[in-house]
Amino acid sequence: MSSQRPKPSAHPLNNDMLVRGVILALIGLILIIAPHFMSATPTRELFEHARIPAWFSLVLGAAFIGQYALRRRKEK
């Protein structure tokens, strides 16, 4: 009998990528949308100055979700 190990599944990595993508996209959306619902406070100014990182987070999250979808489609 040969002692061949089954190939490790990539499912946990795919699911991890999906979770990271959703979290990053939500953070980006919250940082982009939040200043529209806040009154004029220093916190609002802080959110407005975080526009560039918010867009980066949103795009990176969408890329992770897209990569998850591509890997999922290749498995089928």
C-alpha atoms as a PDB file:
ATOM      1  CA  MET A   1       0.000   0.000   0.000  1.00  0.00           C
ATOM      2  CA  SER A   2       1.319   3.349  -0.899  1.00  0.00           C
ATOM      3  CA  SER A   3       0.978   6.152   1.591  1.00  0.00           C
ATOM      4  CA  GLN A   4      -0.248   8.892  -0.690  1.00  0.00           C
ATOM      5  CA  ARG A   5      -1.834  11.826   0.992  1.00  0.00           C
ATOM      6  CA  PRO A   6      -4.856  13.394  -0.596  1.00  0.00           C
ATOM      7  CA  LYS A   7      -4.274  16.777  -2.120  1.00  0.00           C
ATOM      8  CA  PRO A   8      -5.141  19.521   0.392  1.00  0.00           C
ATOM      9  CA  SER A   9      -8.265  21.389  -0.513  1.00  0.00           C
ATOM     10  CA  ALA A  10      -8.093  25.072  -1.387  1.00  0.00           C
ATOM     11  CA  HIS A  11     -11.615  25.717  -0.075  1.00  0.00           C
ATOM     12  CA  PRO A  12     -10.524  27.339   3.208  1.00  0.00           C
ATOM     13  CA  LEU A  13      -8.273  29.711   1.273  1.00  0.00           C
ATOM     14  CA  ASN A  14     -11.087  30.609  -1.098  1.00  0.00           C
ATOM     15  CA  ASN A  15     -13.508  31.216   1.750  1.00  0.00           C
ATOM     16  CA  ASP A  16     -10.889  33.295   3.539  1.00  0.00           C
ATOM     17  CA  MET A  17     -10.448  35.401   0.414  1.00  0.00           C
ATOM     18  CA  LEU A  18     -14.202  35.946   0.197  1.00  0.00           C
ATOM     19  CA  VAL A  19     -14.406  37.034   3.838  1.00  0.00           C
ATOM     20  CA  ARG A  20     -11.489  39.449   3.434  1.00  0.00           C
ATOM     21  CA  GLY A  21     -13.014  40.874   0.275  1.00  0.00           C
ATOM     22  CA  VAL A  22     -16.406  41.458   1.879  1.00  0.00           C
ATOM     23  CA  ILE A  23     -14.859  43.069   4.971  1.00  0.00           C
ATOM     24  CA  LEU A  24     -12.637  45.376   2.909  1.00  0.00           C
ATOM     25  CA  ALA A  25     -15.507  46.362   0.626  1.00  0.00           C
ATOM     26  CA  LEU A  26     -17.761  47.130   3.607  1.00  0.00           C
ATOM     27  CA  ILE A  27     -15.080  49.246   5.269  1.00  0.00           C
ATOM     28  CA  GLY A  28     -14.582  51.176   2.045  1.00  0.00           C
ATOM     29  CA  LEU A  29     -18.309  51.741   1.556  1.00  0.00           C
ATOM     30  CA  ILE A  30     -18.784  52.891   5.141  1.00  0.00           C
ATOM     31  CA  LEU A  31     -15.903  55.349   4.913  1.00  0.00           C
ATOM     32  CA  ILE A  32     -17.194  56.749   1.619  1.00  0.00           C
ATOM     33  CA  ILE A  33     -20.877  57.015   2.580  1.00  0.00           C
ATOM     34  CA  ALA A  34     -20.632  57.984   6.271  1.00  0.00           C
ATOM     35  CA  PRO A  35     -19.743  61.698   5.839  1.00  0.00           C
ATOM     36  CA  HIS A  36     -23.007  62.270   3.951  1.00  0.00           C
ATOM     37  CA  PHE A  37     -25.024  61.344   7.047  1.00  0.00           C
ATOM     38  CA  MET A  38     -22.904  63.131   9.673  1.00  0.00           C
ATOM     39  CA  SER A  39     -23.216  66.687  10.901  1.00  0.00           C
ATOM     40  CA  ALA A  40     -20.246  69.042  10.740  1.00  0.00           C
ATOM     41  CA  THR A  41     -17.895  67.629  13.352  1.00  0.00           C
ATOM     42  CA  PRO A  42     -14.191  66.821  13.537  1.00  0.00           C
ATOM     43  CA  THR A  43     -15.126  63.170  13.018  1.00  0.00           C
ATOM     44  CA  ARG A  44     -16.752  64.027   9.704  1.00  0.00           C
ATOM     45  CA  GLU A  45     -13.599  65.819   8.597  1.00  0.00           C
ATOM     46  CA  LEU A  46     -11.600  62.738   9.548  1.00  0.00           C
ATOM     47  CA  PHE A  47     -13.860  60.562   7.395  1.00  0.00           C
ATOM     48  CA  GLU A  48     -13.607  63.023   4.494  1.00  0.00           C
ATOM     49  CA  HIS A  49      -9.812  62.914   4.649  1.00  0.00           C
ATOM     50  CA  ALA A  50      -9.965  59.117   4.450  1.00  0.00           C
ATOM     51  CA  ARG A  51     -11.447  59.124   0.927  1.00  0.00           C
ATOM     52  CA  ILE A  52      -8.384  57.765  -0.861  1.00  0.00           C
ATOM     53  CA  PRO A  53      -7.842  54.840   1.558  1.00  0.00           C
ATOM     54  CA  ALA A  54     -11.599  54.182   1.441  1.00  0.00           C
ATOM     55  CA  TRP A  55     -11.583  53.854  -2.340  1.00  0.00           C
ATOM     56  CA  PHE A  56      -8.471  51.681  -2.131  1.00  0.00           C
ATOM     57  CA  SER A  57     -10.213  49.430   0.383  1.00  0.00           C
ATOM     58  CA  LEU A  58     -13.310  49.211  -1.803  1.00  0.00           C
ATOM     59  CA  VAL A  59     -11.339  48.336  -4.943  1.00  0.00           C
ATOM     60  CA  LEU A  60      -9.149  45.820  -3.102  1.00  0.00           C
ATOM     61  CA  GLY A  61     -12.218  44.184  -1.595  1.00  0.00           C
ATOM     62  CA  ALA A  62     -13.850  43.953  -5.021  1.00  0.00           C
ATOM     63  CA  ALA A  63     -10.653  42.409  -6.406  1.00  0.00           C
ATOM     64  CA  PHE A  64     -10.644  39.754  -3.669  1.00  0.00           C
ATOM     65  CA  ILE A  65     -14.298  38.975  -4.332  1.00  0.00           C
ATOM     66  CA  GLY A  66     -13.594  38.769  -8.070  1.00  0.00           C
ATOM     67  CA  GLN A  67     -10.660  36.452  -7.516  1.00  0.00           C
ATOM     68  CA  TYR A  68     -12.841  34.252  -5.317  1.00  0.00           C
ATOM     69  CA  ALA A  69     -15.473  34.112  -8.055  1.00  0.00           C
ATOM     70  CA  LEU A  70     -12.875  33.194 -10.701  1.00  0.00           C
ATOM     71  CA  ARG A  71     -11.419  30.410  -8.579  1.00  0.00           C
ATOM     72  CA  ARG A  72     -14.884  29.137  -7.786  1.00  0.00           C
ATOM     73  CA  ARG A  73     -15.783  29.078 -11.486  1.00  0.00           C
ATOM     74  CA  LYS A  74     -12.582  27.189 -12.362  1.00  0.00           C
ATOM     75  CA  GLU A  75     -13.387  24.488  -9.789  1.00  0.00           C
ATOM     76  CA  LYS A  76     -16.724  23.704 -11.410  1.00  0.00           C
END
